[in-house]
Amino acid sequence: MRHVAVIGSGPAGYYSAEALQKIYGADVHVDVIDRMPVPYGLIRFGVAPDHQSIKAVYKRYEKVALSDNVRFVGNVTVGKDVAIDELQQLYDAVILATGAPLDRPIGIPGEELAGVVGSAAFVGWYNGHPDFADLAPRLDTTSAVVIGNGNVALDVARILSKTAHEFEGSDIVFGALEALQASAIRDIHVLGRRGPHQIAMTPKELGELGHLERAAPRVDPADFPPVEEDSALDPGLRKSVTILREFAANPPAGDKPKTIDFDFFAKPVRIEGDGKVERVIVERTKLDADGRATGTGETYAIECGLVVSCIGYRTPPIDGVPYDFDHGRFANDEGRIGDGLYCVGWARRGPTGTIGTNRPDGAAIADLIHADFGTAVSRNAGRPGLDRLLDERGVDVVTFRDWQKIEAAEAERARDGSPREKFTHVEEMLQALGLSRTT
């Protein structure tokens, strides 16, 4: 029997557990440990609430979670309730699947002003992440700036633009929905340092902006290279650029009250305001011979009261675990950190790829563990040892069955036939189980 602890219950964590099951069958016990009382990580707190088809992947993880040899251990904070070295003494292998939940700093003057938020915080707010439930982003402004040219930037722009009717069928947090519907925002600027040929936006997500009820996208035709150059792009990017060209060729007719402006070749250089955001100063850029954005010295100002930075994420360090500060992830060699200690997903490679990218990543780590340990009988305490330790420390552990009770309690709070209304505080989740927070 092998004993493995997986820290983090998002896609990378459950794909790793699934891969270990395929290798070891019934001869492995996997404990999936999470500081939240609810599982699924990125699926619950990161995927846009109006993208329910993407969130449906949780059903695959649920099948793994309900199997006899995989257990969800929620409401347990590694580094506080239990240390990494303690887990290494209890388990044959420890896999860090903590993701990259922290925002990368913008790195420009003024980013500390009120009204500047990172996408992890903003997305967490409308998805009901307890860390950001009380964020209260500034929505009493007519203009917002979104920094970034990836799908997260599109998510933020879309969520800021939608009507209540367009959120039907989503699981957006009710309080966030109310705040968004009362928002004064009418102009949204999406800034990218480079041009249309360098975006990281996929066609489906980009195309959604063309079908919004009250908002229309705008692109300056002058930002495009000659159309003949599109043929050199990979098919997905070429399709995205084609959509942008359609936006440019069909400017808003004025019948929609909101606009989403794509500002290409635009690098934010500072944020100004008296205690709060009032404007973003942007430098126009151009591409050098290597395709990098370089400043031209020409600047302009965008008056705004909200700035959402969507420029990437980083993994939080854990005491006792080597960390690569340059890349914002754990220091590792193809997933191996040290003897019996591994990392997977964004914690291993940084915030790149899709949800599905974590599946082969999890399989590779499972293969690595098998190569390191084989099938010899384990001498470690594993699951019973962790239970004794947490019980001694008075930690209220939340199981997967407990999570299903939380889910049922959320469903009872649904309003007017809408999907379940998420609890937005850990205390609410534990109260649904008759527990009080002890960690």
Protein backbone atom coordinates (compact mmCIF):
# COMPACT_ATOMS: atom_id res chain seq x y z
CA MET A 1 0.00 0.00 0.00
CA ARG A 2 1.24 3.49 -0.93
CA HIS A 3 0.22 6.59 1.01
CA VAL A 4 0.13 9.88 -0.94
CA ALA A 5 -0.93 13.36 0.17
CA VAL A 6 -2.03 15.83 -2.49
CA ILE A 7 -2.13 19.47 -1.36
CA GLY A 8 -4.84 21.23 -3.37
CA SER A 9 -8.18 19.93 -4.67
CA GLY A 10 -8.25 21.64 -8.05
CA PRO A 11 -7.78 20.03 -11.48
CA ALA A 12 -4.09 19.21 -11.00
CA GLY A 13 -4.79 17.59 -7.63
CA TYR A 14 -7.61 15.35 -8.80
CA TYR A 15 -5.90 14.43 -12.06
CA SER A 16 -2.92 13.32 -9.99
CA ALA A 17 -5.15 11.23 -7.72
CA GLU A 18 -6.83 9.66 -10.75
CA ALA A 19 -3.47 8.81 -12.32
CA LEU A 20 -2.25 7.19 -9.08
CA GLN A 21 -5.39 5.04 -9.02
CA LYS A 22 -4.67 3.85 -12.55
CA ILE A 23 -1.14 2.82 -11.61
CA TYR A 24 -1.72 1.33 -8.15
CA GLY A 25 -5.38 0.35 -8.27
CA ALA A 26 -6.59 -0.38 -4.74
CA ASP A 27 -3.02 -0.38 -3.43
CA VAL A 28 -2.87 3.35 -2.83
CA HIS A 29 -4.53 5.73 -0.38
CA VAL A 30 -4.66 9.36 -1.55
CA ASP A 31 -5.61 12.19 0.78
CA VAL A 32 -6.50 15.38 -1.10
CA ILE A 33 -5.94 18.20 1.39
CA ASP A 34 -7.37 21.70 0.94
CA ARG A 35 -7.58 24.74 3.19
CA MET A 36 -11.12 25.38 1.96
CA PRO A 37 -14.07 23.27 3.17
CA VAL A 38 -15.10 22.89 -0.47
CA PRO A 39 -13.24 21.10 -3.30
CA TYR A 40 -12.36 21.84 -6.93
CA GLY A 41 -10.22 24.97 -6.52
CA LEU A 42 -10.00 26.71 -9.90
CA ILE A 43 -13.23 25.10 -11.12
CA ARG A 44 -15.28 26.66 -8.32
CA PHE A 45 -13.38 29.90 -7.80
CA GLY A 46 -11.60 30.67 -11.09
CA VAL A 47 -13.69 29.61 -14.09
CA ALA A 48 -16.13 32.30 -15.19
CA PRO A 49 -19.61 31.72 -13.68
CA ASP A 50 -21.25 31.98 -17.10
CA HIS A 51 -19.06 29.16 -18.48
CA GLN A 52 -20.94 26.25 -16.95
CA SER A 53 -19.88 23.81 -19.68
CA ILE A 54 -16.27 24.24 -18.59
CA LYS A 55 -17.17 23.78 -14.93
CA ALA A 56 -18.88 20.47 -15.76
CA VAL A 57 -15.45 18.78 -15.62
CA TYR A 58 -15.98 18.62 -11.84
CA LYS A 59 -18.07 15.46 -12.46
CA ARG A 60 -14.88 13.64 -13.40
CA TYR A 61 -13.23 14.74 -10.16
CA GLU A 62 -16.33 13.77 -8.19
CA LYS A 63 -16.04 10.20 -9.45
CA VAL A 64 -12.45 10.09 -8.18
CA ALA A 65 -13.35 11.76 -4.89
CA LEU A 66 -16.08 9.24 -4.12
CA SER A 67 -13.89 6.20 -4.69
CA ASP A 68 -12.81 4.16 -1.67
CA ASN A 69 -9.11 5.02 -1.75
CA VAL A 70 -9.28 8.78 -2.34
CA ARG A 71 -10.38 11.12 0.43
CA PHE A 72 -11.04 14.87 0.52
CA VAL A 73 -9.58 16.49 3.65
CA GLY A 74 -10.99 20.01 3.70
CA ASN A 75 -10.58 22.93 6.10
CA VAL A 76 -6.92 21.99 6.71
CA THR A 77 -4.23 24.59 6.08
CA VAL A 78 -0.79 23.21 5.29
CA GLY A 79 1.82 25.31 7.05
CA LYS A 80 -0.57 26.12 9.89
CA ASP A 81 -2.53 23.03 10.91
CA VAL A 82 0.15 20.66 9.67
CA ALA A 83 3.66 21.27 8.33
CA ILE A 84 5.15 19.94 5.11
CA ASP A 85 7.83 17.98 6.97
CA GLU A 86 5.14 16.36 9.12
CA LEU A 87 3.28 15.26 6.00
CA GLN A 88 6.50 13.85 4.56
CA GLN A 89 6.93 11.74 7.69
CA LEU A 90 3.36 10.43 7.39
CA TYR A 91 3.18 9.79 3.63
CA ASP A 92 5.41 8.13 1.05
CA ALA A 93 4.88 11.04 -1.33
CA VAL A 94 3.54 14.58 -0.99
CA ILE A 95 2.32 16.37 -4.14
CA LEU A 96 1.91 20.15 -4.11
CA ALA A 97 -1.05 21.02 -6.35
CA THR A 98 -1.71 24.42 -4.86
CA GLY A 99 -2.09 26.23 -8.18
CA ALA A 100 -1.14 29.88 -8.57
CA PRO A 101 -3.81 31.87 -6.70
CA LEU A 102 -1.81 35.08 -6.17
CA ASP A 103 -1.76 38.00 -8.61
CA ARG A 104 1.48 39.11 -10.17
CA PRO A 105 2.17 42.76 -9.36
CA ILE A 106 1.86 45.24 -12.23
CA GLY A 107 5.16 46.86 -11.29
CA ILE A 108 4.24 50.46 -12.04
CA PRO A 109 3.75 53.54 -9.81
CA GLY A 110 0.25 53.90 -8.41
CA GLU A 111 -0.73 50.25 -8.32
CA GLU A 112 -1.34 50.58 -4.58
CA LEU A 113 -4.18 53.08 -5.12
CA ALA A 114 -7.74 52.19 -4.17
CA GLY A 115 -9.53 50.87 -7.22
CA VAL A 116 -6.63 48.75 -8.49
CA VAL A 117 -7.32 45.02 -8.14
CA GLY A 118 -5.78 41.87 -9.57
CA SER A 119 -7.80 39.40 -11.57
CA ALA A 120 -7.40 36.67 -8.92
CA ALA A 121 -9.12 38.98 -6.44
CA PHE A 122 -11.76 40.26 -8.88
CA VAL A 123 -12.61 36.83 -10.29
CA GLY A 124 -12.58 35.40 -6.78
CA TRP A 125 -15.03 38.10 -5.69
CA TYR A 126 -17.70 37.29 -8.26
CA ASN A 127 -17.08 33.54 -7.85
CA GLY A 128 -17.54 33.60 -4.08
CA HIS A 129 -13.98 32.90 -2.93
CA PRO A 130 -13.91 33.53 0.84
CA ASP A 131 -10.60 35.40 0.59
CA PHE A 132 -12.25 38.05 -1.60
CA ALA A 133 -15.88 38.01 -0.49
CA ASP A 134 -15.56 41.52 0.98
CA LEU A 135 -13.57 43.03 -1.89
CA ALA A 136 -16.18 45.67 -2.89
CA PRO A 137 -14.53 46.74 -6.20
CA ARG A 138 -15.14 50.31 -7.33
CA LEU A 139 -18.07 50.12 -9.73
CA ASP A 140 -19.33 53.68 -9.18
CA THR A 141 -17.20 54.90 -12.09
CA THR A 142 -18.04 55.28 -15.75
CA SER A 143 -14.76 53.85 -17.07
CA ALA A 144 -12.63 50.80 -16.26
CA VAL A 145 -9.27 49.58 -17.53
CA VAL A 146 -8.47 45.89 -17.90
CA ILE A 147 -4.76 45.15 -18.33
CA GLY A 148 -3.93 42.01 -20.29
CA ASN A 149 -4.61 40.26 -23.58
CA GLY A 150 -5.59 36.78 -22.46
CA ASN A 151 -8.84 34.97 -21.74
CA VAL A 152 -8.97 36.21 -18.15
CA ALA A 153 -9.03 39.79 -19.43
CA LEU A 154 -11.93 38.79 -21.70
CA ASP A 155 -13.75 37.20 -18.76
CA VAL A 156 -13.42 40.39 -16.70
CA ALA A 157 -14.56 42.63 -19.57
CA ARG A 158 -17.52 40.35 -20.30
CA ILE A 159 -18.61 40.10 -16.65
CA LEU A 160 -18.47 43.91 -16.35
CA SER A 161 -20.69 44.18 -19.43
CA LYS A 162 -23.45 41.61 -19.03
CA THR A 163 -27.06 42.17 -18.06
CA ALA A 164 -28.82 40.23 -15.31
CA HIS A 165 -30.68 38.31 -18.02
CA GLU A 166 -27.39 37.18 -19.55
CA PHE A 167 -26.29 35.70 -16.22
CA GLU A 168 -29.24 33.29 -16.11
CA GLY A 169 -27.94 29.75 -15.76
CA SER A 170 -24.67 30.93 -14.24
CA ASP A 171 -23.52 30.52 -10.65
CA ILE A 172 -22.32 34.07 -10.10
CA VAL A 173 -22.51 35.14 -6.46
CA PHE A 174 -25.78 36.98 -5.83
CA GLY A 175 -24.14 39.92 -4.07
CA ALA A 176 -21.69 40.40 -6.93
CA LEU A 177 -24.53 40.23 -9.45
CA GLU A 178 -26.41 42.95 -7.58
CA ALA A 179 -23.32 45.15 -7.48
CA LEU A 180 -22.59 44.63 -11.17
CA GLN A 181 -26.13 45.49 -12.19
CA ALA A 182 -25.89 48.74 -10.23
CA SER A 183 -22.52 49.53 -11.82
CA ALA A 184 -22.01 52.88 -13.54
CA ILE A 185 -19.32 51.50 -15.87
CA ARG A 186 -19.96 52.26 -19.53
CA ASP A 187 -16.50 52.24 -21.10
CA ILE A 188 -14.07 49.32 -20.72
CA HIS A 189 -10.55 49.54 -22.12
CA VAL A 190 -8.60 46.31 -22.61
CA LEU A 191 -4.89 47.14 -22.79
CA GLY A 192 -2.28 45.01 -24.53
CA ARG A 193 1.40 45.90 -24.96
CA ARG A 194 1.55 44.22 -28.35
CA GLY A 195 -0.81 43.84 -31.29
CA PRO A 196 -3.63 41.58 -32.49
CA HIS A 197 -1.19 38.94 -33.75
CA GLN A 198 0.25 38.49 -30.25
CA ILE A 199 -2.94 37.97 -28.23
CA ALA A 200 -3.54 34.90 -26.04
CA MET A 201 -7.33 34.98 -26.52
CA THR A 202 -9.18 31.96 -27.84
CA PRO A 203 -11.88 32.30 -30.53
CA LYS A 204 -14.83 31.12 -28.43
CA GLU A 205 -14.18 33.58 -25.60
CA LEU A 206 -13.42 36.42 -27.99
CA GLY A 207 -16.48 35.74 -30.11
CA GLU A 208 -18.76 36.04 -27.08
CA LEU A 209 -18.12 39.78 -26.96
CA GLY A 210 -19.87 40.17 -30.30
CA HIS A 211 -23.16 38.88 -28.88
CA LEU A 212 -23.59 40.93 -25.71
CA GLU A 213 -26.96 42.58 -25.21
CA ARG A 214 -25.80 45.99 -24.02
CA ALA A 215 -22.09 46.16 -24.93
CA ALA A 216 -20.17 46.24 -28.19
CA PRO A 217 -16.44 45.69 -28.88
CA ARG A 218 -14.35 48.25 -30.78
CA VAL A 219 -10.99 47.74 -32.46
CA ASP A 220 -8.97 50.32 -34.40
CA PRO A 221 -8.38 48.99 -37.95
CA ALA A 222 -5.00 50.75 -37.95
CA ASP A 223 -3.72 48.30 -35.30
CA PHE A 224 -3.72 45.37 -37.72
CA PRO A 225 -0.86 44.27 -39.97
CA PRO A 226 -1.75 43.52 -43.61
CA VAL A 227 -4.37 40.78 -43.80
CA GLU A 228 -1.99 38.63 -45.86
CA GLU A 229 0.15 38.14 -42.75
CA ASP A 230 -2.69 36.32 -40.99
CA SER A 231 -1.94 33.19 -43.03
CA ALA A 232 1.27 32.58 -41.07
CA LEU A 233 -0.61 32.31 -37.75
CA ASP A 234 -1.64 29.02 -36.19
CA PRO A 235 -5.31 28.17 -36.91
CA GLY A 236 -6.67 29.13 -33.48
CA LEU A 237 -4.93 32.50 -33.38
CA ARG A 238 -5.86 33.18 -37.00
CA LYS A 239 -9.53 32.62 -36.12
CA SER A 240 -9.23 34.99 -33.15
CA VAL A 241 -7.62 37.67 -35.31
CA THR A 242 -10.41 37.22 -37.87
CA ILE A 243 -12.95 37.93 -35.12
CA LEU A 244 -11.04 41.07 -34.13
CA ARG A 245 -11.02 42.20 -37.77
CA GLU A 246 -14.78 41.73 -37.84
CA PHE A 247 -15.10 43.90 -34.73
CA ALA A 248 -13.01 46.58 -36.46
CA ALA A 249 -15.06 46.40 -39.65
CA ASN A 250 -18.37 46.68 -37.80
CA PRO A 251 -18.04 49.50 -35.26
CA PRO A 252 -20.88 49.96 -32.75
CA ALA A 253 -23.91 51.70 -34.18
CA GLY A 254 -24.57 53.55 -30.95
CA ASP A 255 -27.57 51.51 -29.85
CA LYS A 256 -25.62 49.80 -27.06
CA PRO A 257 -24.74 51.82 -23.97
CA LYS A 258 -21.45 50.06 -23.20
CA THR A 259 -18.27 49.75 -25.25
CA ILE A 260 -15.30 47.42 -24.90
CA ASP A 261 -12.29 49.12 -26.51
CA PHE A 262 -9.25 47.05 -27.42
CA ASP A 263 -6.23 49.29 -26.95
CA PHE A 264 -3.37 47.49 -28.68
CA PHE A 265 0.26 48.64 -28.56
CA ALA A 266 -0.59 50.18 -25.20
CA LYS A 267 1.64 49.82 -22.15
CA PRO A 268 0.45 51.21 -18.80
CA VAL A 269 3.32 53.14 -17.24
CA ARG A 270 1.67 54.61 -14.15
CA ILE A 271 -1.64 54.96 -12.37
CA GLU A 272 -2.57 58.38 -11.03
CA GLY A 273 -5.06 59.66 -8.49
CA ASP A 274 -5.48 61.30 -5.10
CA GLY A 275 -5.80 58.23 -2.87
CA LYS A 276 -7.80 56.38 -5.49
CA VAL A 277 -7.54 55.64 -9.20
CA GLU A 278 -8.41 58.56 -11.45
CA ARG A 279 -6.50 57.74 -14.62
CA VAL A 280 -4.02 55.39 -16.25
CA ILE A 281 -1.11 56.84 -18.22
CA VAL A 282 -0.40 54.65 -21.24
CA GLU A 283 2.66 54.65 -23.49
CA ARG A 284 2.23 53.68 -27.12
CA THR A 285 4.49 50.83 -28.18
CA LYS A 286 5.80 49.21 -31.32
CA LEU A 287 7.23 45.79 -32.05
CA ASP A 288 10.96 45.38 -32.51
CA ALA A 289 12.59 42.84 -34.83
CA ASP A 290 12.18 40.10 -32.20
CA GLY A 291 8.47 40.82 -31.69
CA ARG A 292 8.94 42.51 -28.33
CA ALA A 293 7.02 45.65 -27.38
CA THR A 294 9.17 48.75 -27.01
CA GLY A 295 8.03 52.18 -25.92
CA THR A 296 7.74 55.05 -28.38
CA GLY A 297 7.72 57.81 -25.78
CA GLU A 298 4.23 58.91 -26.83
CA THR A 299 1.69 58.72 -24.00
CA TYR A 300 -2.00 59.30 -23.45
CA ALA A 301 -4.34 59.13 -20.45
CA ILE A 302 -7.43 57.01 -19.85
CA GLU A 303 -9.70 58.48 -17.18
CA CYS A 304 -11.06 55.66 -15.03
CA GLY A 305 -11.92 54.62 -11.49
CA LEU A 306 -11.27 50.88 -11.69
CA VAL A 307 -8.21 48.98 -12.92
CA VAL A 308 -8.20 45.18 -13.10
CA SER A 309 -4.81 43.63 -13.78
CA CYS A 310 -4.92 40.32 -15.70
CA ILE A 311 -1.22 39.78 -16.30
CA GLY A 312 -0.62 36.44 -14.61
CA TYR A 313 -0.42 34.62 -11.32
CA ARG A 314 2.09 33.10 -8.94
CA THR A 315 2.15 30.24 -6.47
CA PRO A 316 2.36 31.16 -2.77
CA PRO A 317 5.57 29.91 -1.10
CA ILE A 318 5.36 27.30 1.65
CA ASP A 319 7.85 27.20 4.52
CA GLY A 320 10.44 24.51 3.96
CA VAL A 321 9.80 24.15 0.21
CA PRO A 322 12.36 25.48 -2.32
CA TYR A 323 10.86 28.32 -4.35
CA ASP A 324 11.64 29.83 -7.76
CA PHE A 325 10.97 33.54 -7.21
CA ASP A 326 11.77 34.46 -10.80
CA HIS A 327 8.91 32.32 -12.13
CA GLY A 328 6.55 32.41 -9.15
CA ARG A 329 6.43 28.61 -8.66
CA PHE A 330 8.10 25.88 -6.66
CA ALA A 331 11.67 25.09 -7.66
CA ASN A 332 11.55 21.65 -9.26
CA ASP A 333 13.10 19.30 -11.78
CA GLU A 334 10.25 18.10 -14.02
CA GLY A 335 7.98 17.96 -10.98
CA ARG A 336 10.42 16.58 -8.41
CA ILE A 337 11.28 19.02 -5.61
CA GLY A 338 13.12 16.60 -3.33
CA ASP A 339 12.90 13.12 -1.85
CA GLY A 340 9.22 12.25 -1.69
CA LEU A 341 8.15 15.82 -2.48
CA TYR A 342 6.65 16.76 -5.85
CA CYS A 343 4.64 19.53 -7.51
CA VAL A 344 2.12 19.46 -10.33
CA GLY A 345 0.11 21.84 -12.50
CA TRP A 346 0.62 25.57 -12.14
CA ALA A 347 2.63 25.01 -8.97
CA ARG A 348 5.13 23.12 -11.14
CA ARG A 349 5.16 24.93 -14.47
CA GLY A 350 3.60 28.32 -13.75
CA PRO A 351 0.14 29.56 -14.86
CA THR A 352 0.11 28.21 -18.40
CA GLY A 353 -2.16 25.92 -20.36
CA THR A 354 -5.80 24.97 -19.97
CA ILE A 355 -7.60 22.89 -17.36
CA GLY A 356 -7.01 19.81 -19.52
CA THR A 357 -3.26 20.46 -19.59
CA ASN A 358 -3.18 19.31 -15.97
CA ARG A 359 -4.26 15.78 -16.88
CA PRO A 360 -1.01 14.67 -18.57
CA ASP A 361 0.85 16.66 -15.95
CA GLY A 362 -0.80 14.62 -13.18
CA ALA A 363 -0.05 11.39 -15.05
CA ALA A 364 3.62 12.35 -15.34
CA ILE A 365 3.89 12.96 -11.59
CA ALA A 366 2.17 9.66 -10.83
CA ASP A 367 4.66 7.88 -13.10
CA LEU A 368 7.50 9.67 -11.31
CA ILE A 369 6.22 8.50 -7.91
CA HIS A 370 5.90 4.94 -9.19
CA ALA A 371 9.45 5.06 -10.54
CA ASP A 372 10.74 6.38 -7.20
CA PHE A 373 8.83 4.02 -4.90
CA GLY A 374 7.63 1.06 -6.93
CA THR A 375 5.21 -1.26 -5.16
CA ALA A 376 7.14 -2.04 -1.97
CA VAL A 377 5.11 -2.10 1.23
CA SER A 378 4.96 1.32 2.88
CA ARG A 379 6.13 1.78 6.45
CA ASN A 380 4.48 5.20 6.82
CA ALA A 381 1.36 5.85 8.90
CA GLY A 382 -0.48 7.68 6.12
CA ARG A 383 -4.15 8.50 6.64
CA PRO A 384 -4.55 7.26 10.25
CA GLY A 385 -1.48 9.24 11.28
CA LEU A 386 -2.87 12.45 9.81
CA ASP A 387 -6.23 11.89 11.49
CA ARG A 388 -4.57 11.48 14.89
CA LEU A 389 -2.47 14.60 14.40
CA LEU A 390 -5.40 16.80 13.33
CA ASP A 391 -7.60 15.44 16.09
CA GLU A 392 -4.94 16.29 18.69
CA ARG A 393 -4.84 19.84 17.33
CA GLY A 394 -8.60 20.28 17.34
CA VAL A 395 -8.94 20.79 13.58
CA ASP A 396 -12.46 20.27 12.21
CA VAL A 397 -11.87 18.24 9.05
CA VAL A 398 -14.46 18.52 6.26
CA THR A 399 -14.94 15.37 4.16
CA PHE A 400 -16.38 15.04 0.66
CA ARG A 401 -19.70 13.89 2.13
CA ASP A 402 -19.65 17.05 4.23
CA TRP A 403 -19.06 19.06 1.06
CA GLN A 404 -22.14 17.48 -0.48
CA LYS A 405 -24.12 18.72 2.54
CA ILE A 406 -22.70 22.22 1.97
CA GLU A 407 -23.70 21.97 -1.69
CA ALA A 408 -27.23 20.94 -0.72
CA ALA A 409 -27.45 23.86 1.72
CA GLU A 410 -26.37 26.23 -1.05
CA ALA A 411 -29.06 24.83 -3.33
CA GLU A 412 -31.69 25.64 -0.71
CA ARG A 413 -30.58 29.28 -0.82
CA ALA A 414 -31.24 29.56 -4.57
CA ARG A 415 -33.33 32.56 -5.54
CA ASP A 416 -36.18 32.40 -8.07
CA GLY A 417 -35.11 29.09 -9.52
CA SER A 418 -31.51 30.21 -10.11
CA PRO A 419 -28.55 27.86 -9.49
CA ARG A 420 -27.39 27.35 -5.93
CA GLU A 421 -26.20 30.50 -4.20
CA LYS A 422 -22.67 29.92 -2.99
CA PHE A 423 -21.58 30.54 0.54
CA THR A 424 -18.96 33.29 0.41
CA HIS A 425 -17.41 32.83 3.86
CA VAL A 426 -15.80 29.77 5.40
CA GLU A 427 -17.84 30.36 8.57
CA GLU A 428 -21.07 29.94 6.59
CA MET A 429 -19.84 26.67 5.12
CA LEU A 430 -18.91 25.27 8.51
CA GLN A 431 -22.12 26.47 10.11
CA ALA A 432 -24.02 24.42 7.51
CA LEU A 433 -22.26 21.40 9.05
CA GLY A 434 -22.81 22.50 12.63
CA LEU A 435 -19.13 23.34 13.04
CA SER A 436 -17.28 26.46 14.09
CA ARG A 437 -14.02 27.52 12.51
CA THR A 438 -11.01 26.44 14.54
CA THR A 439 -8.19 27.01 12.06
